[in-house]
Amino acid sequence: MKKIILLFSLMLIITSCSSNDEDTYGIFNPPNWIQGTWKEETSGAILTFTSRDIKYTTTGDSFSFSKQTTKFSNTLPQEISSSPNLYVSDFSQGKEGSIIRFNFVKTSDTKMESKGHLPGNYIKQ
């Protein structure tokens, strides 16, 4: 019985520690079609969309837009459009509140184009 309780306790600790803060407290709400990992055709940069965050990785450095936006601003992103083929969101970054726009257009089931911040053509991984 003690082994079962110990095993259950370990499982509880492991699962509670595996949560990602950006995914739990993230401020973005990307549509289902865009969620996953995308690689830019030319630079090889990676965009990862979760249910609550947008993450950008290049040359080994990773950047969470949810984490950075909440760090410097109390303003939540404004979702401009979210449809089966388009995701557009504006957000403030920094204390000055400069507006940055994400504008992602789905061009096929495995490709999308970014026309706003982080422009390029991305392939779903």
Foldseek 3Di string as FASTA:
>chain_A
DVVVVVVVVVVVVVVVVVDDCCQVVAQDAADPLPAAWKAFPPQRWIWHDDRRWIWIDHPHDIDTPRVQQVVADPDGKDWPDHDPFWTKIWGAGHVVRDIFIWIWGHPDSFWIATPTPPTGIIGGD
